[in-house]
């Protein structure tokens, strides 16, 4: 994705972002520990939740399929870790009524955060009203009970201008966070897409967070995304309330960087 000169300059400034103990600990507190596999079970979700409070502190949230929200809620009882889930996932092709119903069920089951997929194919093809009606319906279903993260599926967008347009429209439709990717398509989270989305948040002047999801598997990658947020939105902007990583394999790498264990070998997947 070709960036405007100012955003390319910001990205270049972050090329050598330090990956150290302090950065790793910071990133752990911003992690949405995620399992969205087809063969997930209550047992795998319980095991995921057991990893959420780490020797370096708790992660921000655990993100699971809607059918496991109640399981995660019970497993995380007594911890500060939030329960997140996904709706309209991963294709983004359900209608507004179905998305709203799915979100309402998830909130009733105990979800603190809803990650909803924008109907990105329709948006890319030129539709504007229908995709945002889906986002608005999810916003209404979440109400004040749940945070809403809008998944843009940035890797599907042909250029930076159209991605920025989608980001602006999602903010106007009530997004609490903008999220790069489902993690189910390639490319997933890229620094270039992150720069565009972070800049859109900055230009909006609103209190909207950012989530980089999919393909971030080592401490150096996490450090780059954090540095980019610092560069575009200012030092101190990125906190667990405004910045998240969506990953299943990143935690072990961050813990190793923070002095707790050995970095894992590279793996495929979310």
C-alpha atoms as a PDB file:
ATOM      1  CA  UNK A   1       0.000   0.000   0.000  1.00  0.00           C
ATOM      2  CA  UNK A   2       1.547   3.279  -1.126  1.00  0.00           C
ATOM      3  CA  UNK A   3       1.396   5.924   1.603  1.00  0.00           C
ATOM      4  CA  UNK A   4       1.231   9.720   1.429  1.00  0.00           C
ATOM      5  CA  UNK A   5       4.641  11.261   2.039  1.00  0.00           C
ATOM      6  CA  UNK A   6       3.894  12.347   5.607  1.00  0.00           C
ATOM      7  CA  UNK A   7       2.749   8.895   6.668  1.00  0.00           C
ATOM      8  CA  UNK A   8       5.683   7.224   4.931  1.00  0.00           C
ATOM      9  CA  UNK A   9       7.970   9.571   6.849  1.00  0.00           C
ATOM     10  CA  UNK A  10       6.279   8.612  10.114  1.00  0.00           C
ATOM     11  CA  UNK A  11       6.690   4.929   9.285  1.00  0.00           C
ATOM     12  CA  UNK A  12      10.349   5.397   8.376  1.00  0.00           C
ATOM     13  CA  UNK A  13      10.946   7.103  11.728  1.00  0.00           C
ATOM     14  CA  UNK A  14       9.771   3.934  13.480  1.00  0.00           C
ATOM     15  CA  UNK A  15      11.901   1.484  11.519  1.00  0.00           C
ATOM     16  CA  UNK A  16      14.348   0.902  14.360  1.00  0.00           C
ATOM     17  CA  UNK A  17      11.883   0.910  17.250  1.00  0.00           C
ATOM     18  CA  UNK A  18      13.510  -0.755  20.284  1.00  0.00           C
ATOM     19  CA  UNK A  19      12.263  -4.180  21.273  1.00  0.00           C
ATOM     20  CA  UNK A  20      13.123  -4.453  24.954  1.00  0.00           C
ATOM     21  CA  UNK A  21      11.780  -5.553  28.322  1.00  0.00           C
ATOM     22  CA  UNK A  22       9.794  -2.362  28.911  1.00  0.00           C
ATOM     23  CA  UNK A  23       8.201  -2.433  25.460  1.00  0.00           C
ATOM     24  CA  UNK A  24       7.291  -6.111  25.819  1.00  0.00           C
ATOM     25  CA  UNK A  25       5.634  -5.542  29.193  1.00  0.00           C
ATOM     26  CA  UNK A  26       3.747  -2.594  27.758  1.00  0.00           C
ATOM     27  CA  UNK A  27       2.526  -4.710  24.848  1.00  0.00           C
ATOM     28  CA  UNK A  28       1.394  -7.591  27.082  1.00  0.00           C
ATOM     29  CA  UNK A  29      -1.032  -5.259  28.829  1.00  0.00           C
ATOM     30  CA  UNK A  30      -2.488  -4.338  25.415  1.00  0.00           C
ATOM     31  CA  UNK A  31      -2.924  -7.889  24.133  1.00  0.00           C
ATOM     32  CA  UNK A  32      -6.261  -9.424  23.167  1.00  0.00           C
ATOM     33  CA  UNK A  33      -5.243 -13.058  23.605  1.00  0.00           C
ATOM     34  CA  UNK A  34      -7.175 -14.686  20.794  1.00  0.00           C
ATOM     35  CA  UNK A  35      -8.438 -18.080  19.690  1.00  0.00           C
ATOM     36  CA  UNK A  36     -10.759 -18.124  16.687  1.00  0.00           C
ATOM     37  CA  UNK A  37     -10.075 -21.597  15.340  1.00  0.00           C
ATOM     38  CA  UNK A  38     -12.660 -23.921  13.856  1.00  0.00           C
ATOM     39  CA  UNK A  39     -11.874 -26.664  16.359  1.00  0.00           C
ATOM     40  CA  UNK A  40     -12.029 -24.561  19.543  1.00  0.00           C
ATOM     41  CA  UNK A  41     -13.808 -26.147  22.505  1.00  0.00           C
ATOM     42  CA  UNK A  42     -14.711 -25.116  26.026  1.00  0.00           C
ATOM     43  CA  UNK A  43     -11.498 -26.786  27.150  1.00  0.00           C
ATOM     44  CA  UNK A  44      -9.274 -24.846  24.750  1.00  0.00           C
ATOM     45  CA  UNK A  45     -10.980 -21.607  25.757  1.00  0.00           C
ATOM     46  CA  UNK A  46     -10.448 -22.368  29.442  1.00  0.00           C
ATOM     47  CA  UNK A  47      -6.775 -23.067  28.716  1.00  0.00           C
ATOM     48  CA  UNK A  48      -6.518 -19.760  26.851  1.00  0.00           C
ATOM     49  CA  UNK A  49      -8.070 -17.908  29.789  1.00  0.00           C
ATOM     50  CA  UNK A  50      -5.630 -19.573  32.172  1.00  0.00           C
ATOM     51  CA  UNK A  51      -2.788 -17.913  30.233  1.00  0.00           C
ATOM     52  CA  UNK A  52      -4.341 -14.449  30.427  1.00  0.00           C
ATOM     53  CA  UNK A  53      -2.811 -13.462  33.775  1.00  0.00           C
ATOM     54  CA  UNK A  54       0.905 -13.725  33.088  1.00  0.00           C
ATOM     55  CA  UNK A  55       4.077 -13.335  35.179  1.00  0.00           C
ATOM     56  CA  UNK A  56       4.444  -9.920  33.527  1.00  0.00           C
ATOM     57  CA  UNK A  57       0.859  -8.870  34.269  1.00  0.00           C
ATOM     58  CA  UNK A  58      -2.596  -9.509  32.805  1.00  0.00           C
ATOM     59  CA  UNK A  59      -3.462  -9.142  29.154  1.00  0.00           C
ATOM     60  CA  UNK A  60      -6.219  -6.696  28.204  1.00  0.00           C
ATOM     61  CA  UNK A  61      -8.781  -9.208  26.957  1.00  0.00           C
ATOM     62  CA  UNK A  62      -9.425 -12.727  25.742  1.00  0.00           C
ATOM     63  CA  UNK A  63     -11.153 -12.890  22.344  1.00  0.00           C
ATOM     64  CA  UNK A  64     -13.192 -16.005  21.504  1.00  0.00           C
ATOM     65  CA  UNK A  65     -16.101 -17.130  19.344  1.00  0.00           C
ATOM     66  CA  UNK A  66     -19.537 -15.978  20.578  1.00  0.00           C
ATOM     67  CA  UNK A  67     -20.489 -19.497  21.673  1.00  0.00           C
ATOM     68  CA  UNK A  68     -17.631 -19.442  24.196  1.00  0.00           C
ATOM     69  CA  UNK A  69     -18.325 -16.052  25.791  1.00  0.00           C
ATOM     70  CA  UNK A  70     -20.030 -17.549  28.840  1.00  0.00           C
ATOM     71  CA  UNK A  71     -17.187 -20.060  29.252  1.00  0.00           C
ATOM     72  CA  UNK A  72     -14.593 -17.292  29.126  1.00  0.00           C
ATOM     73  CA  UNK A  73     -16.611 -15.077  31.476  1.00  0.00           C
ATOM     74  CA  UNK A  74     -16.638 -17.850  34.085  1.00  0.00           C
ATOM     75  CA  UNK A  75     -12.966 -18.742  33.599  1.00  0.00           C
ATOM     76  CA  UNK A  76     -11.847 -15.105  33.985  1.00  0.00           C
ATOM     77  CA  UNK A  77     -13.931 -14.367  37.068  1.00  0.00           C
ATOM     78  CA  UNK A  78     -11.888 -12.443  39.622  1.00  0.00           C
ATOM     79  CA  UNK A  79      -9.394 -11.129  37.042  1.00  0.00           C
ATOM     80  CA  UNK A  80      -9.274  -7.721  35.319  1.00  0.00           C
ATOM     81  CA  UNK A  81      -9.215  -9.376  31.884  1.00  0.00           C
ATOM     82  CA  UNK A  82     -12.090  -8.445  29.563  1.00  0.00           C
ATOM     83  CA  UNK A  83     -14.063 -10.872  27.403  1.00  0.00           C
ATOM     84  CA  UNK A  84     -14.151  -9.989  23.705  1.00  0.00           C
ATOM     85  CA  UNK A  85     -15.899 -11.757  20.860  1.00  0.00           C
ATOM     86  CA  UNK A  86     -16.498 -11.382  17.129  1.00  0.00           C
ATOM     87  CA  UNK A  87     -19.675 -10.859  15.102  1.00  0.00           C
ATOM     88  CA  UNK A  88     -20.284 -10.865  11.355  1.00  0.00           C
ATOM     89  CA  UNK A  89     -17.015 -12.791  11.316  1.00  0.00           C
ATOM     90  CA  UNK A  90     -15.031 -13.403   9.214  1.00  0.00           C
ATOM     91  CA  UNK A  91     -16.805 -12.608   5.927  1.00  0.00           C
ATOM     92  CA  UNK A  92     -18.660  -9.436   6.923  1.00  0.00           C
ATOM     93  CA  UNK A  93     -21.657 -10.489   4.828  1.00  0.00           C
ATOM     94  CA  UNK A  94     -24.550 -10.724   7.324  1.00  0.00           C
ATOM     95  CA  UNK A  95     -27.302  -8.108   7.307  1.00  0.00           C
ATOM     96  CA  UNK A  96     -27.801  -5.460   9.961  1.00  0.00           C
ATOM     97  CA  UNK A  97     -30.564  -7.293  11.817  1.00  0.00           C
ATOM     98  CA  UNK A  98     -28.557 -10.513  12.061  1.00  0.00           C
ATOM     99  CA  UNK A  99     -25.452  -8.671  13.248  1.00  0.00           C
ATOM    100  CA  UNK A 100     -27.421  -6.794  15.891  1.00  0.00           C
ATOM    101  CA  UNK A 101     -29.007 -10.021  17.154  1.00  0.00           C
ATOM    102  CA  UNK A 102     -25.604 -11.729  17.334  1.00  0.00           C
ATOM    103  CA  UNK A 103     -24.132  -8.791  19.253  1.00  0.00           C
ATOM    104  CA  UNK A 104     -27.057  -8.667  21.692  1.00  0.00           C
ATOM    105  CA  UNK A 105     -26.683 -12.376  22.472  1.00  0.00           C
ATOM    106  CA  UNK A 106     -22.960 -11.957  23.070  1.00  0.00           C
ATOM    107  CA  UNK A 107     -23.502  -9.019  25.417  1.00  0.00           C
ATOM    108  CA  UNK A 108     -26.172 -10.976  27.294  1.00  0.00           C
ATOM    109  CA  UNK A 109     -23.689 -13.838  27.696  1.00  0.00           C
ATOM    110  CA  UNK A 110     -21.167 -11.483  29.265  1.00  0.00           C
ATOM    111  CA  UNK A 111     -19.082  -9.982  26.442  1.00  0.00           C
ATOM    112  CA  UNK A 112     -17.360  -6.721  27.342  1.00  0.00           C
ATOM    113  CA  UNK A 113     -16.168  -6.026  23.812  1.00  0.00           C
ATOM    114  CA  UNK A 114     -17.596  -6.780  20.353  1.00  0.00           C
ATOM    115  CA  UNK A 115     -15.316  -6.936  17.297  1.00  0.00           C
ATOM    116  CA  UNK A 116     -17.629  -6.514  14.284  1.00  0.00           C
ATOM    117  CA  UNK A 117     -16.525  -7.010  10.689  1.00  0.00           C
ATOM    118  CA  UNK A 118     -17.379  -4.133   8.373  1.00  0.00           C
ATOM    119  CA  UNK A 119     -19.043  -5.359   5.156  1.00  0.00           C
ATOM    120  CA  UNK A 120     -15.740  -4.496   3.525  1.00  0.00           C
ATOM    121  CA  UNK A 121     -16.340  -6.130   0.148  1.00  0.00           C
ATOM    122  CA  UNK A 122     -19.514  -4.099  -0.304  1.00  0.00           C
ATOM    123  CA  UNK A 123     -17.694  -0.939   0.787  1.00  0.00           C
ATOM    124  CA  UNK A 124     -14.834  -1.558  -1.643  1.00  0.00           C
ATOM    125  CA  UNK A 125     -17.390  -2.150  -4.412  1.00  0.00           C
ATOM    126  CA  UNK A 126     -18.873   1.296  -3.785  1.00  0.00           C
ATOM    127  CA  UNK A 127     -21.663   0.747  -1.262  1.00  0.00           C
ATOM    128  CA  UNK A 128     -21.739   3.217   1.609  1.00  0.00           C
ATOM    129  CA  UNK A 129     -25.134   3.103   3.333  1.00  0.00           C
ATOM    130  CA  UNK A 130     -25.476  -0.672   3.816  1.00  0.00           C
ATOM    131  CA  UNK A 131     -22.024  -1.248   5.371  1.00  0.00           C
ATOM    132  CA  UNK A 132     -22.495   1.578   7.823  1.00  0.00           C
ATOM    133  CA  UNK A 133     -26.027   0.458   8.655  1.00  0.00           C
ATOM    134  CA  UNK A 134     -24.473  -2.794   9.836  1.00  0.00           C
ATOM    135  CA  UNK A 135     -21.996  -0.914  12.013  1.00  0.00           C
ATOM    136  CA  UNK A 136     -24.739   1.358  13.399  1.00  0.00           C
ATOM    137  CA  UNK A 137     -26.941  -1.649  14.193  1.00  0.00           C
ATOM    138  CA  UNK A 138     -24.089  -3.255  16.090  1.00  0.00           C
ATOM    139  CA  UNK A 139     -23.441   0.027  17.893  1.00  0.00           C
ATOM    140  CA  UNK A 140     -27.046   0.135  19.049  1.00  0.00           C
ATOM    141  CA  UNK A 141     -26.905  -3.507  20.167  1.00  0.00           C
ATOM    142  CA  UNK A 142     -23.728  -2.877  22.172  1.00  0.00           C
ATOM    143  CA  UNK A 143     -25.202   0.210  23.814  1.00  0.00           C
ATOM    144  CA  UNK A 144     -23.166   1.316  26.802  1.00  0.00           C
ATOM    145  CA  UNK A 145     -22.598  -2.273  27.909  1.00  0.00           C
ATOM    146  CA  UNK A 146     -19.885  -3.222  25.422  1.00  0.00           C
ATOM    147  CA  UNK A 147     -17.029  -1.613  23.536  1.00  0.00           C
ATOM    148  CA  UNK A 148     -17.351  -1.884  19.741  1.00  0.00           C
ATOM    149  CA  UNK A 149     -14.292  -2.518  17.573  1.00  0.00           C
ATOM    150  CA  UNK A 150     -14.880  -2.281  13.817  1.00  0.00           C
ATOM    151  CA  UNK A 151     -12.751  -4.669  11.735  1.00  0.00           C
ATOM    152  CA  UNK A 152     -11.930  -2.971   8.438  1.00  0.00           C
ATOM    153  CA  UNK A 153     -10.049  -5.913   6.836  1.00  0.00           C
ATOM    154  CA  UNK A 154      -7.403  -3.477   5.666  1.00  0.00           C
ATOM    155  CA  UNK A 155      -5.537  -6.002   3.516  1.00  0.00           C
ATOM    156  CA  UNK A 156      -8.468  -6.164   1.109  1.00  0.00           C
ATOM    157  CA  UNK A 157      -8.383  -2.432   0.340  1.00  0.00           C
ATOM    158  CA  UNK A 158      -6.696  -1.440  -2.921  1.00  0.00           C
ATOM    159  CA  UNK A 159      -5.305   1.876  -1.727  1.00  0.00           C
ATOM    160  CA  UNK A 160      -4.767   4.127   1.264  1.00  0.00           C
ATOM    161  CA  UNK A 161      -7.440   6.649   0.289  1.00  0.00           C
ATOM    162  CA  UNK A 162     -10.260   4.105   0.301  1.00  0.00           C
ATOM    163  CA  UNK A 163      -9.063   2.592   3.584  1.00  0.00           C
ATOM    164  CA  UNK A 164      -9.008   6.062   5.164  1.00  0.00           C
ATOM    165  CA  UNK A 165     -12.545   6.664   3.874  1.00  0.00           C
ATOM    166  CA  UNK A 166     -13.759   3.443   5.509  1.00  0.00           C
ATOM    167  CA  UNK A 167     -12.008   4.382   8.749  1.00  0.00           C
ATOM    168  CA  UNK A 168     -13.642   7.825   8.798  1.00  0.00           C
ATOM    169  CA  UNK A 169     -17.085   6.387   8.081  1.00  0.00           C
ATOM    170  CA  UNK A 170     -16.703   3.735  10.793  1.00  0.00           C
ATOM    171  CA  UNK A 171     -15.752   6.414  13.307  1.00  0.00           C
ATOM    172  CA  UNK A 172     -18.813   8.442  12.309  1.00  0.00           C
ATOM    173  CA  UNK A 173     -20.966   5.310  12.743  1.00  0.00           C
ATOM    174  CA  UNK A 174     -19.877   4.944  16.366  1.00  0.00           C
ATOM    175  CA  UNK A 175     -16.720   2.821  16.425  1.00  0.00           C
ATOM    176  CA  UNK A 176     -14.886   2.784  19.761  1.00  0.00           C
ATOM    177  CA  UNK A 177     -11.904   1.107  18.080  1.00  0.00           C
ATOM    178  CA  UNK A 178     -10.762   0.509  14.528  1.00  0.00           C
ATOM    179  CA  UNK A 179      -9.186  -2.896  13.933  1.00  0.00           C
ATOM    180  CA  UNK A 180      -7.034  -3.807  10.949  1.00  0.00           C
ATOM    181  CA  UNK A 181      -7.997  -7.372  10.193  1.00  0.00           C
ATOM    182  CA  UNK A 182      -9.870 -10.567  10.870  1.00  0.00           C
ATOM    183  CA  UNK A 183      -6.579 -12.457  10.706  1.00  0.00           C
ATOM    184  CA  UNK A 184      -8.267 -14.773   8.195  1.00  0.00           C
ATOM    185  CA  UNK A 185      -7.084 -13.011   5.019  1.00  0.00           C
ATOM    186  CA  UNK A 186      -3.684 -11.901   3.777  1.00  0.00           C
ATOM    187  CA  UNK A 187      -2.148  -9.496   4.227  1.00  0.00           C
ATOM    188  CA  UNK A 188      -3.388  -9.025   7.776  1.00  0.00           C
ATOM    189  CA  UNK A 189      -2.033  -6.199   9.946  1.00  0.00           C
ATOM    190  CA  UNK A 190       0.642  -4.192   8.137  1.00  0.00           C
ATOM    191  CA  UNK A 191       2.482  -1.071   9.313  1.00  0.00           C
ATOM    192  CA  UNK A 192       1.251   0.782   6.215  1.00  0.00           C
ATOM    193  CA  UNK A 193      -2.408   0.070   6.972  1.00  0.00           C
ATOM    194  CA  UNK A 194      -1.829   0.918  10.625  1.00  0.00           C
ATOM    195  CA  UNK A 195      -0.402   4.294   9.639  1.00  0.00           C
ATOM    196  CA  UNK A 196      -3.496   5.103   7.561  1.00  0.00           C
ATOM    197  CA  UNK A 197      -5.920   4.057  10.308  1.00  0.00           C
ATOM    198  CA  UNK A 198      -4.005   5.808  13.087  1.00  0.00           C
ATOM    199  CA  UNK A 199      -3.886   8.989  10.988  1.00  0.00           C
ATOM    200  CA  UNK A 200      -7.650   8.758  10.441  1.00  0.00           C
ATOM    201  CA  UNK A 201      -8.139   8.529  14.201  1.00  0.00           C
ATOM    202  CA  UNK A 202      -5.878  11.538  14.703  1.00  0.00           C
ATOM    203  CA  UNK A 203      -7.718  13.586  12.082  1.00  0.00           C
ATOM    204  CA  UNK A 204     -11.099  12.714  13.609  1.00  0.00           C
ATOM    205  CA  UNK A 205     -10.199  14.297  16.933  1.00  0.00           C
ATOM    206  CA  UNK A 206     -12.315  11.629  18.645  1.00  0.00           C
ATOM    207  CA  UNK A 207     -11.472   9.176  21.398  1.00  0.00           C
ATOM    208  CA  UNK A 208     -11.189   6.117  19.170  1.00  0.00           C
ATOM    209  CA  UNK A 209      -8.747   3.271  19.750  1.00  0.00           C
ATOM    210  CA  UNK A 210      -6.737   1.102  17.368  1.00  0.00           C
ATOM    211  CA  UNK A 211      -6.223  -2.668  17.210  1.00  0.00           C
ATOM    212  CA  UNK A 212      -3.590  -4.386  15.082  1.00  0.00           C
ATOM    213  CA  UNK A 213      -4.656  -7.983  14.477  1.00  0.00           C
ATOM    214  CA  UNK A 214      -3.223 -10.890  12.554  1.00  0.00           C
ATOM    215  CA  UNK A 215       0.344 -11.738  11.657  1.00  0.00           C
ATOM    216  CA  UNK A 216       2.140 -10.011  14.550  1.00  0.00           C
ATOM    217  CA  UNK A 217       4.179 -12.776  16.135  1.00  0.00           C
ATOM    218  CA  UNK A 218       7.312 -11.285  17.685  1.00  0.00           C
ATOM    219  CA  UNK A 219       8.346  -8.521  20.048  1.00  0.00           C
ATOM    220  CA  UNK A 220      10.001  -6.502  17.285  1.00  0.00           C
ATOM    221  CA  UNK A 221       6.755  -6.423  15.310  1.00  0.00           C
ATOM    222  CA  UNK A 222       4.812  -5.282  18.350  1.00  0.00           C
ATOM    223  CA  UNK A 223       7.405  -2.577  19.050  1.00  0.00           C
ATOM    224  CA  UNK A 224       7.026  -1.195  15.525  1.00  0.00           C
ATOM    225  CA  UNK A 225       3.249  -0.813  15.821  1.00  0.00           C
ATOM    226  CA  UNK A 226       3.552   0.832  19.237  1.00  0.00           C
ATOM    227  CA  UNK A 227       6.202   3.228  17.946  1.00  0.00           C
ATOM    228  CA  UNK A 228       3.936   4.147  15.036  1.00  0.00           C
ATOM    229  CA  UNK A 229       1.089   4.983  17.424  1.00  0.00           C
ATOM    230  CA  UNK A 230       3.477   7.118  19.485  1.00  0.00           C
ATOM    231  CA  UNK A 231       4.698   8.883  16.341  1.00  0.00           C
ATOM    232  CA  UNK A 232       1.249   9.705  14.935  1.00  0.00           C
ATOM    233  CA  UNK A 233      -0.873  10.196  18.059  1.00  0.00           C
ATOM    234  CA  UNK A 234       1.772  11.191  20.571  1.00  0.00           C
ATOM    235  CA  UNK A 235       3.758   9.605  23.374  1.00  0.00           C
ATOM    236  CA  UNK A 236       1.452   8.172  25.999  1.00  0.00           C
ATOM    237  CA  UNK A 237      -1.601   7.886  23.740  1.00  0.00           C
ATOM    238  CA  UNK A 238      -1.341   4.115  23.440  1.00  0.00           C
ATOM    239  CA  UNK A 239      -2.696   2.401  26.549  1.00  0.00           C
ATOM    240  CA  UNK A 240      -4.912  -0.683  26.965  1.00  0.00           C
ATOM    241  CA  UNK A 241      -7.891   1.683  26.658  1.00  0.00           C
ATOM    242  CA  UNK A 242      -6.773   2.933  23.235  1.00  0.00           C
ATOM    243  CA  UNK A 243      -4.474   0.308  21.717  1.00  0.00           C
ATOM    244  CA  UNK A 244      -4.690  -3.473  21.324  1.00  0.00           C
ATOM    245  CA  UNK A 245      -2.911  -6.327  19.632  1.00  0.00           C
ATOM    246  CA  UNK A 246      -5.051  -9.233  18.434  1.00  0.00           C
ATOM    247  CA  UNK A 247      -2.936 -12.379  18.482  1.00  0.00           C
ATOM    248  CA  UNK A 248      -2.697 -15.936  19.685  1.00  0.00           C
ATOM    249  CA  UNK A 249       1.018 -16.523  19.204  1.00  0.00           C
ATOM    250  CA  UNK A 250       2.437 -13.154  20.285  1.00  0.00           C
ATOM    251  CA  UNK A 251       2.193 -13.678  24.052  1.00  0.00           C
ATOM    252  CA  UNK A 252       5.019 -16.206  24.336  1.00  0.00           C
ATOM    253  CA  UNK A 253       7.348 -13.973  22.325  1.00  0.00           C
ATOM    254  CA  UNK A 254       6.564 -10.970  24.539  1.00  0.00           C
ATOM    255  CA  UNK A 255       7.018 -12.993  27.714  1.00  0.00           C
ATOM    256  CA  UNK A 256      10.409 -14.196  26.474  1.00  0.00           C
ATOM    257  CA  UNK A 257      11.441 -10.605  25.747  1.00  0.00           C
ATOM    258  CA  UNK A 258      10.338  -9.683  29.283  1.00  0.00           C
ATOM    259  CA  UNK A 259      12.470 -12.479  30.756  1.00  0.00           C
ATOM    260  CA  UNK A 260       9.814 -15.148  31.215  1.00  0.00           C
ATOM    261  CA  UNK A 261      10.570 -18.154  29.025  1.00  0.00           C
ATOM    262  CA  UNK A 262      12.036 -18.788  25.586  1.00  0.00           C
ATOM    263  CA  UNK A 263      10.797 -17.207  22.380  1.00  0.00           C
ATOM    264  CA  UNK A 264       8.765 -19.697  20.304  1.00  0.00           C
ATOM    265  CA  UNK A 265       9.564 -20.780  16.784  1.00  0.00           C
ATOM    266  CA  UNK A 266       7.635 -19.015  14.038  1.00  0.00           C
ATOM    267  CA  UNK A 267       4.134 -20.383  13.537  1.00  0.00           C
ATOM    268  CA  UNK A 268       1.327 -19.820  11.086  1.00  0.00           C
ATOM    269  CA  UNK A 269      -2.155 -18.613  11.969  1.00  0.00           C
ATOM    270  CA  UNK A 270      -3.818 -15.701  13.731  1.00  0.00           C
END
